[in-house]
C-alpha atoms as a PDB file:
ATOM      1  CA  UNK A   1      -0.159   0.320  -0.156  1.00  0.00           C
ATOM      2  CA  UNK A   2       2.631   2.692  -1.283  1.00  0.00           C
ATOM      3  CA  UNK A   3       4.233   3.874  -4.371  1.00  0.00           C
ATOM      4  CA  UNK A   4       8.037   4.821  -4.769  1.00  0.00           C
ATOM      5  CA  UNK A   5       8.071   7.692  -7.608  1.00  0.00           C
ATOM      6  CA  UNK A   6      11.471   8.483  -9.356  1.00  0.00           C
ATOM      7  CA  UNK A   7      12.739  11.000  -6.745  1.00  0.00           C
ATOM      8  CA  UNK A   8      12.328   8.368  -3.992  1.00  0.00           C
ATOM      9  CA  UNK A   9       9.518   9.549  -1.959  1.00  0.00           C
ATOM     10  CA  UNK A  10       6.888   7.302  -0.551  1.00  0.00           C
ATOM     11  CA  UNK A  11       3.096   8.068  -1.507  1.00  0.00           C
ATOM     12  CA  UNK A  12       0.492   6.515   0.643  1.00  0.00           C
ATOM     13  CA  UNK A  13      -1.936   4.425  -1.400  1.00  0.00           C
ATOM     14  CA  UNK A  14      -5.237   3.036  -0.633  1.00  0.00           C
ATOM     15  CA  UNK A  15      -7.988   1.228  -2.041  1.00  0.00           C
ATOM     16  CA  UNK A  16     -10.337   2.957  -4.339  1.00  0.00           C
ATOM     17  CA  UNK A  17     -13.926   2.837  -3.351  1.00  0.00           C
ATOM     18  CA  UNK A  18     -16.265   3.093  -5.736  1.00  0.00           C
ATOM     19  CA  UNK A  19     -19.917   5.274  -5.742  1.00  0.00           C
ATOM     20  CA  UNK A  20     -18.477   6.607  -2.145  1.00  0.00           C
ATOM     21  CA  UNK A  21     -19.766  10.056  -0.979  1.00  0.00           C
ATOM     22  CA  UNK A  22     -17.892  12.674   1.290  1.00  0.00           C
ATOM     23  CA  UNK A  23     -19.860  15.560   2.939  1.00  0.00           C
ATOM     24  CA  UNK A  24     -18.015  18.372   3.756  1.00  0.00           C
ATOM     25  CA  UNK A  25     -20.158  19.425   7.034  1.00  0.00           C
ATOM     26  CA  UNK A  26     -22.682  18.374   9.135  1.00  0.00           C
ATOM     27  CA  UNK A  27     -25.784  20.524   8.415  1.00  0.00           C
ATOM     28  CA  UNK A  28     -27.967  17.909  11.025  1.00  0.00           C
ATOM     29  CA  UNK A  29     -27.851  15.902  13.690  1.00  0.00           C
ATOM     30  CA  UNK A  30     -28.335  13.131  12.173  1.00  0.00           C
ATOM     31  CA  UNK A  31     -25.288  13.627  10.078  1.00  0.00           C
ATOM     32  CA  UNK A  32     -23.208  13.955  12.956  1.00  0.00           C
ATOM     33  CA  UNK A  33     -24.525  10.982  14.506  1.00  0.00           C
ATOM     34  CA  UNK A  34     -22.915   9.399  11.692  1.00  0.00           C
ATOM     35  CA  UNK A  35     -19.992  10.908  12.131  1.00  0.00           C
ATOM     36  CA  UNK A  36     -19.198  10.422  15.491  1.00  0.00           C
ATOM     37  CA  UNK A  37     -20.189   6.511  14.540  1.00  0.00           C
ATOM     38  CA  UNK A  38     -17.474   6.997  11.947  1.00  0.00           C
ATOM     39  CA  UNK A  39     -14.664   8.200  14.376  1.00  0.00           C
ATOM     40  CA  UNK A  40     -15.902   5.622  17.209  1.00  0.00           C
ATOM     41  CA  UNK A  41     -16.108   2.571  15.039  1.00  0.00           C
ATOM     42  CA  UNK A  42     -12.550   3.447  13.552  1.00  0.00           C
ATOM     43  CA  UNK A  43     -11.287   3.729  17.336  1.00  0.00           C
ATOM     44  CA  UNK A  44     -12.664   0.455  18.406  1.00  0.00           C
ATOM     45  CA  UNK A  45     -11.741  -1.160  15.424  1.00  0.00           C
ATOM     46  CA  UNK A  46      -8.206  -0.400  17.030  1.00  0.00           C
ATOM     47  CA  UNK A  47      -8.881  -0.585  20.788  1.00  0.00           C
ATOM     48  CA  UNK A  48      -6.324  -3.488  20.636  1.00  0.00           C
ATOM     49  CA  UNK A  49      -3.617  -2.265  19.023  1.00  0.00           C
ATOM     50  CA  UNK A  50      -1.084  -1.619  21.764  1.00  0.00           C
ATOM     51  CA  UNK A  51       2.016  -1.050  19.574  1.00  0.00           C
ATOM     52  CA  UNK A  52       3.141   3.023  20.072  1.00  0.00           C
ATOM     53  CA  UNK A  53       3.028   5.164  16.626  1.00  0.00           C
ATOM     54  CA  UNK A  54       5.722   7.179  15.454  1.00  0.00           C
ATOM     55  CA  UNK A  55       5.137  11.042  16.693  1.00  0.00           C
ATOM     56  CA  UNK A  56       3.982  12.483  12.728  1.00  0.00           C
ATOM     57  CA  UNK A  57       3.822  16.474  14.389  1.00  0.00           C
ATOM     58  CA  UNK A  58       5.725  16.732  17.422  1.00  0.00           C
ATOM     59  CA  UNK A  59       3.372  17.771  20.194  1.00  0.00           C
ATOM     60  CA  UNK A  60       0.575  18.110  18.291  1.00  0.00           C
ATOM     61  CA  UNK A  61      -2.299  18.182  20.982  1.00  0.00           C
ATOM     62  CA  UNK A  62       0.912  18.596  24.208  1.00  0.00           C
ATOM     63  CA  UNK A  63      -0.808  21.635  26.066  1.00  0.00           C
ATOM     64  CA  UNK A  64       2.337  21.574  27.706  1.00  0.00           C
ATOM     65  CA  UNK A  65       4.496  22.061  24.513  1.00  0.00           C
ATOM     66  CA  UNK A  66       2.198  24.260  23.669  1.00  0.00           C
ATOM     67  CA  UNK A  67       2.838  26.982  26.854  1.00  0.00           C
ATOM     68  CA  UNK A  68       6.428  26.618  26.215  1.00  0.00           C
ATOM     69  CA  UNK A  69       6.160  27.881  22.562  1.00  0.00           C
ATOM     70  CA  UNK A  70       3.476  30.289  24.197  1.00  0.00           C
ATOM     71  CA  UNK A  71       5.678  31.630  26.888  1.00  0.00           C
ATOM     72  CA  UNK A  72       8.435  31.768  24.420  1.00  0.00           C
ATOM     73  CA  UNK A  73       6.710  33.952  22.151  1.00  0.00           C
ATOM     74  CA  UNK A  74       5.424  36.192  24.840  1.00  0.00           C
ATOM     75  CA  UNK A  75       9.067  36.528  26.006  1.00  0.00           C
ATOM     76  CA  UNK A  76      10.530  37.491  22.176  1.00  0.00           C
ATOM     77  CA  UNK A  77       7.368  39.785  21.365  1.00  0.00           C
ATOM     78  CA  UNK A  78       9.100  39.640  17.954  1.00  0.00           C
ATOM     79  CA  UNK A  79       5.881  41.671  16.114  1.00  0.00           C
ATOM     80  CA  UNK A  80       5.648  44.461  18.940  1.00  0.00           C
ATOM     81  CA  UNK A  81       1.898  43.336  19.546  1.00  0.00           C
ATOM     82  CA  UNK A  82       1.826  41.580  22.919  1.00  0.00           C
ATOM     83  CA  UNK A  83       0.834  45.604  24.952  1.00  0.00           C
ATOM     84  CA  UNK A  84      -2.246  45.087  23.138  1.00  0.00           C
ATOM     85  CA  UNK A  85      -3.395  42.229  23.726  1.00  0.00           C
ATOM     86  CA  UNK A  86      -3.686  42.104  27.358  1.00  0.00           C
ATOM     87  CA  UNK A  87      -7.308  40.897  27.468  1.00  0.00           C
ATOM     88  CA  UNK A  88      -6.654  38.188  25.025  1.00  0.00           C
ATOM     89  CA  UNK A  89      -3.240  37.221  27.178  1.00  0.00           C
ATOM     90  CA  UNK A  90      -5.408  37.265  30.229  1.00  0.00           C
ATOM     91  CA  UNK A  91      -7.902  34.732  28.763  1.00  0.00           C
ATOM     92  CA  UNK A  92      -5.199  32.552  28.257  1.00  0.00           C
ATOM     93  CA  UNK A  93      -3.889  33.061  31.372  1.00  0.00           C
ATOM     94  CA  UNK A  94      -6.683  32.184  33.577  1.00  0.00           C
ATOM     95  CA  UNK A  95      -7.454  28.955  31.804  1.00  0.00           C
ATOM     96  CA  UNK A  96      -3.460  27.782  31.847  1.00  0.00           C
ATOM     97  CA  UNK A  97      -3.919  25.695  35.486  1.00  0.00           C
ATOM     98  CA  UNK A  98      -6.931  23.930  34.518  1.00  0.00           C
ATOM     99  CA  UNK A  99      -5.494  23.029  30.617  1.00  0.00           C
ATOM    100  CA  UNK A 100      -2.415  21.358  32.813  1.00  0.00           C
ATOM    101  CA  UNK A 101      -4.536  19.578  34.847  1.00  0.00           C
ATOM    102  CA  UNK A 102      -6.258  17.890  31.741  1.00  0.00           C
ATOM    103  CA  UNK A 103      -2.820  16.860  30.129  1.00  0.00           C
ATOM    104  CA  UNK A 104      -1.049  15.640  33.499  1.00  0.00           C
ATOM    105  CA  UNK A 105      -4.009  13.181  33.769  1.00  0.00           C
ATOM    106  CA  UNK A 106      -3.116  12.117  30.171  1.00  0.00           C
ATOM    107  CA  UNK A 107       0.861  11.685  30.901  1.00  0.00           C
ATOM    108  CA  UNK A 108      -0.064   9.543  33.877  1.00  0.00           C
ATOM    109  CA  UNK A 109      -2.190   7.423  31.466  1.00  0.00           C
ATOM    110  CA  UNK A 110      -5.379   8.155  33.363  1.00  0.00           C
ATOM    111  CA  UNK A 111      -6.405   8.572  29.826  1.00  0.00           C
ATOM    112  CA  UNK A 112      -5.161   5.615  28.471  1.00  0.00           C
ATOM    113  CA  UNK A 113      -3.040   6.077  25.244  1.00  0.00           C
ATOM    114  CA  UNK A 114      -5.211   4.986  21.915  1.00  0.00           C
ATOM    115  CA  UNK A 115      -4.648   5.112  17.903  1.00  0.00           C
ATOM    116  CA  UNK A 116      -5.806   8.618  17.476  1.00  0.00           C
ATOM    117  CA  UNK A 117      -6.618  10.108  13.725  1.00  0.00           C
ATOM    118  CA  UNK A 118      -6.202  13.844  14.885  1.00  0.00           C
ATOM    119  CA  UNK A 119      -8.142  15.146  11.539  1.00  0.00           C
ATOM    120  CA  UNK A 120     -11.654  14.314  12.730  1.00  0.00           C
ATOM    121  CA  UNK A 121     -13.409  16.558  10.498  1.00  0.00           C
ATOM    122  CA  UNK A 122     -16.800  14.587   8.519  1.00  0.00           C
ATOM    123  CA  UNK A 123     -14.682  15.208   4.870  1.00  0.00           C
ATOM    124  CA  UNK A 124     -12.438  12.588   6.571  1.00  0.00           C
ATOM    125  CA  UNK A 125     -15.117   9.778   6.604  1.00  0.00           C
ATOM    126  CA  UNK A 126     -16.513   7.921   3.513  1.00  0.00           C
ATOM    127  CA  UNK A 127     -20.170   7.232   3.212  1.00  0.00           C
ATOM    128  CA  UNK A 128     -22.006   4.546   1.116  1.00  0.00           C
ATOM    129  CA  UNK A 129     -24.878   5.926  -1.427  1.00  0.00           C
ATOM    130  CA  UNK A 130     -27.292   5.125   1.755  1.00  0.00           C
ATOM    131  CA  UNK A 131     -25.671   7.110   3.886  1.00  0.00           C
ATOM    132  CA  UNK A 132     -24.044   4.860   6.154  1.00  0.00           C
ATOM    133  CA  UNK A 133     -20.514   4.739   6.960  1.00  0.00           C
ATOM    134  CA  UNK A 134     -17.923   3.055   5.519  1.00  0.00           C
ATOM    135  CA  UNK A 135     -14.609   3.978   6.528  1.00  0.00           C
ATOM    136  CA  UNK A 136     -12.677   6.918   7.615  1.00  0.00           C
ATOM    137  CA  UNK A 137      -9.431   7.759   5.523  1.00  0.00           C
ATOM    138  CA  UNK A 138      -6.740  10.859   5.467  1.00  0.00           C
ATOM    139  CA  UNK A 139      -4.837   8.664   7.819  1.00  0.00           C
ATOM    140  CA  UNK A 140      -1.295  10.738   7.617  1.00  0.00           C
ATOM    141  CA  UNK A 141      -1.625  12.023  11.141  1.00  0.00           C
ATOM    142  CA  UNK A 142      -2.597   8.965  12.454  1.00  0.00           C
ATOM    143  CA  UNK A 143      -0.642   8.966  16.202  1.00  0.00           C
ATOM    144  CA  UNK A 144      -1.012   7.553  19.766  1.00  0.00           C
ATOM    145  CA  UNK A 145      -2.333  10.077  22.436  1.00  0.00           C
ATOM    146  CA  UNK A 146      -5.645  10.065  24.345  1.00  0.00           C
ATOM    147  CA  UNK A 147      -9.298   9.289  22.061  1.00  0.00           C
ATOM    148  CA  UNK A 148     -10.226  12.368  23.543  1.00  0.00           C
ATOM    149  CA  UNK A 149      -8.317  14.601  21.229  1.00  0.00           C
ATOM    150  CA  UNK A 150     -10.344  12.793  18.367  1.00  0.00           C
ATOM    151  CA  UNK A 151     -13.336  13.498  20.504  1.00  0.00           C
ATOM    152  CA  UNK A 152     -12.915  17.112  21.053  1.00  0.00           C
ATOM    153  CA  UNK A 153     -11.778  18.098  17.485  1.00  0.00           C
ATOM    154  CA  UNK A 154     -15.034  17.116  16.257  1.00  0.00           C
ATOM    155  CA  UNK A 155     -17.228  18.520  18.209  1.00  0.00           C
ATOM    156  CA  UNK A 156     -15.459  21.588  17.826  1.00  0.00           C
ATOM    157  CA  UNK A 157     -15.994  21.440  14.171  1.00  0.00           C
ATOM    158  CA  UNK A 158     -19.140  19.887  14.370  1.00  0.00           C
ATOM    159  CA  UNK A 159     -21.283  21.637  16.978  1.00  0.00           C
ATOM    160  CA  UNK A 160     -19.930  25.551  15.776  1.00  0.00           C
ATOM    161  CA  UNK A 161     -22.566  26.978  14.234  1.00  0.00           C
ATOM    162  CA  UNK A 162     -20.838  29.083  12.083  1.00  0.00           C
ATOM    163  CA  UNK A 163     -18.231  28.644   9.435  1.00  0.00           C
ATOM    164  CA  UNK A 164     -14.621  27.730  10.131  1.00  0.00           C
ATOM    165  CA  UNK A 165     -13.301  30.836   9.765  1.00  0.00           C
ATOM    166  CA  UNK A 166     -15.962  33.017   9.926  1.00  0.00           C
ATOM    167  CA  UNK A 167     -15.648  36.609  10.680  1.00  0.00           C
ATOM    168  CA  UNK A 168     -18.827  37.564  12.150  1.00  0.00           C
ATOM    169  CA  UNK A 169     -18.624  36.294  16.013  1.00  0.00           C
ATOM    170  CA  UNK A 170     -22.101  36.775  16.248  1.00  0.00           C
ATOM    171  CA  UNK A 171     -22.660  33.619  13.810  1.00  0.00           C
ATOM    172  CA  UNK A 172     -20.466  31.152  16.776  1.00  0.00           C
ATOM    173  CA  UNK A 173     -21.826  29.786  19.480  1.00  0.00           C
ATOM    174  CA  UNK A 174     -22.244  25.888  20.437  1.00  0.00           C
ATOM    175  CA  UNK A 175     -24.614  23.366  18.770  1.00  0.00           C
ATOM    176  CA  UNK A 176     -26.035  21.067  22.227  1.00  0.00           C
ATOM    177  CA  UNK A 177     -27.924  19.372  19.865  1.00  0.00           C
ATOM    178  CA  UNK A 178     -25.143  18.815  17.380  1.00  0.00           C
ATOM    179  CA  UNK A 179     -23.230  17.928  20.763  1.00  0.00           C
ATOM    180  CA  UNK A 180     -25.585  15.479  21.791  1.00  0.00           C
ATOM    181  CA  UNK A 181     -25.932  13.696  18.141  1.00  0.00           C
ATOM    182  CA  UNK A 182     -22.046  13.546  17.418  1.00  0.00           C
ATOM    183  CA  UNK A 183     -21.466  11.969  20.883  1.00  0.00           C
ATOM    184  CA  UNK A 184     -24.438   9.323  21.443  1.00  0.00           C
ATOM    185  CA  UNK A 185     -23.161   8.247  17.306  1.00  0.00           C
ATOM    186  CA  UNK A 186     -19.664   8.009  19.030  1.00  0.00           C
ATOM    187  CA  UNK A 187     -20.567   5.754  21.978  1.00  0.00           C
ATOM    188  CA  UNK A 188     -22.708   3.741  20.231  1.00  0.00           C
ATOM    189  CA  UNK A 189     -19.715   2.475  19.005  1.00  0.00           C
ATOM    190  CA  UNK A 190     -16.798   2.930  21.344  1.00  0.00           C
ATOM    191  CA  UNK A 191     -18.581   3.245  25.115  1.00  0.00           C
ATOM    192  CA  UNK A 192     -17.511  -0.195  25.156  1.00  0.00           C
ATOM    193  CA  UNK A 193     -13.743  -0.140  24.379  1.00  0.00           C
ATOM    194  CA  UNK A 194     -13.489   2.898  27.041  1.00  0.00           C
ATOM    195  CA  UNK A 195     -12.242   3.367  30.745  1.00  0.00           C
ATOM    196  CA  UNK A 196     -14.462   5.555  33.256  1.00  0.00           C
ATOM    197  CA  UNK A 197     -11.939   8.335  32.969  1.00  0.00           C
ATOM    198  CA  UNK A 198     -12.676   8.717  28.809  1.00  0.00           C
ATOM    199  CA  UNK A 199     -16.109   9.549  30.201  1.00  0.00           C
ATOM    200  CA  UNK A 200     -15.880  11.528  32.723  1.00  0.00           C
ATOM    201  CA  UNK A 201     -13.735  14.031  30.587  1.00  0.00           C
ATOM    202  CA  UNK A 202     -15.570  13.509  27.378  1.00  0.00           C
ATOM    203  CA  UNK A 203     -17.240  16.690  27.139  1.00  0.00           C
ATOM    204  CA  UNK A 204     -14.126  18.588  28.311  1.00  0.00           C
ATOM    205  CA  UNK A 205     -12.535  17.383  25.232  1.00  0.00           C
ATOM    206  CA  UNK A 206     -14.197  20.110  23.317  1.00  0.00           C
ATOM    207  CA  UNK A 207     -13.126  22.902  25.666  1.00  0.00           C
ATOM    208  CA  UNK A 208      -9.503  21.848  25.310  1.00  0.00           C
ATOM    209  CA  UNK A 209      -9.312  21.557  21.608  1.00  0.00           C
ATOM    210  CA  UNK A 210     -10.639  24.484  21.112  1.00  0.00           C
ATOM    211  CA  UNK A 211      -8.492  26.235  24.332  1.00  0.00           C
ATOM    212  CA  UNK A 212      -5.459  24.933  22.218  1.00  0.00           C
ATOM    213  CA  UNK A 213      -6.431  25.816  18.345  1.00  0.00           C
ATOM    214  CA  UNK A 214      -6.939  29.609  20.419  1.00  0.00           C
ATOM    215  CA  UNK A 215      -3.805  29.801  21.770  1.00  0.00           C
ATOM    216  CA  UNK A 216      -1.902  28.523  18.663  1.00  0.00           C
ATOM    217  CA  UNK A 217      -3.677  31.388  16.616  1.00  0.00           C
ATOM    218  CA  UNK A 218      -2.923  34.162  19.199  1.00  0.00           C
ATOM    219  CA  UNK A 219       0.697  32.482  19.323  1.00  0.00           C
ATOM    220  CA  UNK A 220       1.214  33.031  15.808  1.00  0.00           C
ATOM    221  CA  UNK A 221      -0.111  36.270  15.753  1.00  0.00           C
ATOM    222  CA  UNK A 222       1.886  37.716  18.588  1.00  0.00           C
END
């Protein structure tokens, strides 16, 4: 399942599924439910895979690593923007302890390490013509992490009532209806493989991943 080109580079390949369908966005709770099924089934099928995977993106969801980068960015203040961002910086700092508390239980393996996809947007799930889940695609970011990183990133995406890059923040809220639909689809497939700590922190995962993105993007701006 690979091809090597004339430059010696390797390309991952997979079987082409004739007639498969993808969706760019979950516009209904029913589609959100099926998106949850797709990721839940992917994780459930790999629940007994315990071999560590290569870290293809260094510290991708590691908030301790991200805070180290954040502290360095604030100290350097390369663009001279730090002074005008006091409110935003305080928003980040007021949540530092809670986010590190979550990551500590990841480091202590209170939350088990699993195979995670790390790009759980709906368009990375193939459906058949009847709208049923076929499989998950785009596996180049698969790594070993907590399953809740996948859940949180999906919830961040699925429940957003605005566009991903919406300039009108009045459009942006979290749809609890979509949250419930995705979570029910995910748990239908994966709950039997989960430990209690994963269930306890499942809802928080959406806050964690959303915070991480805010931190990264604000850090880039600084």
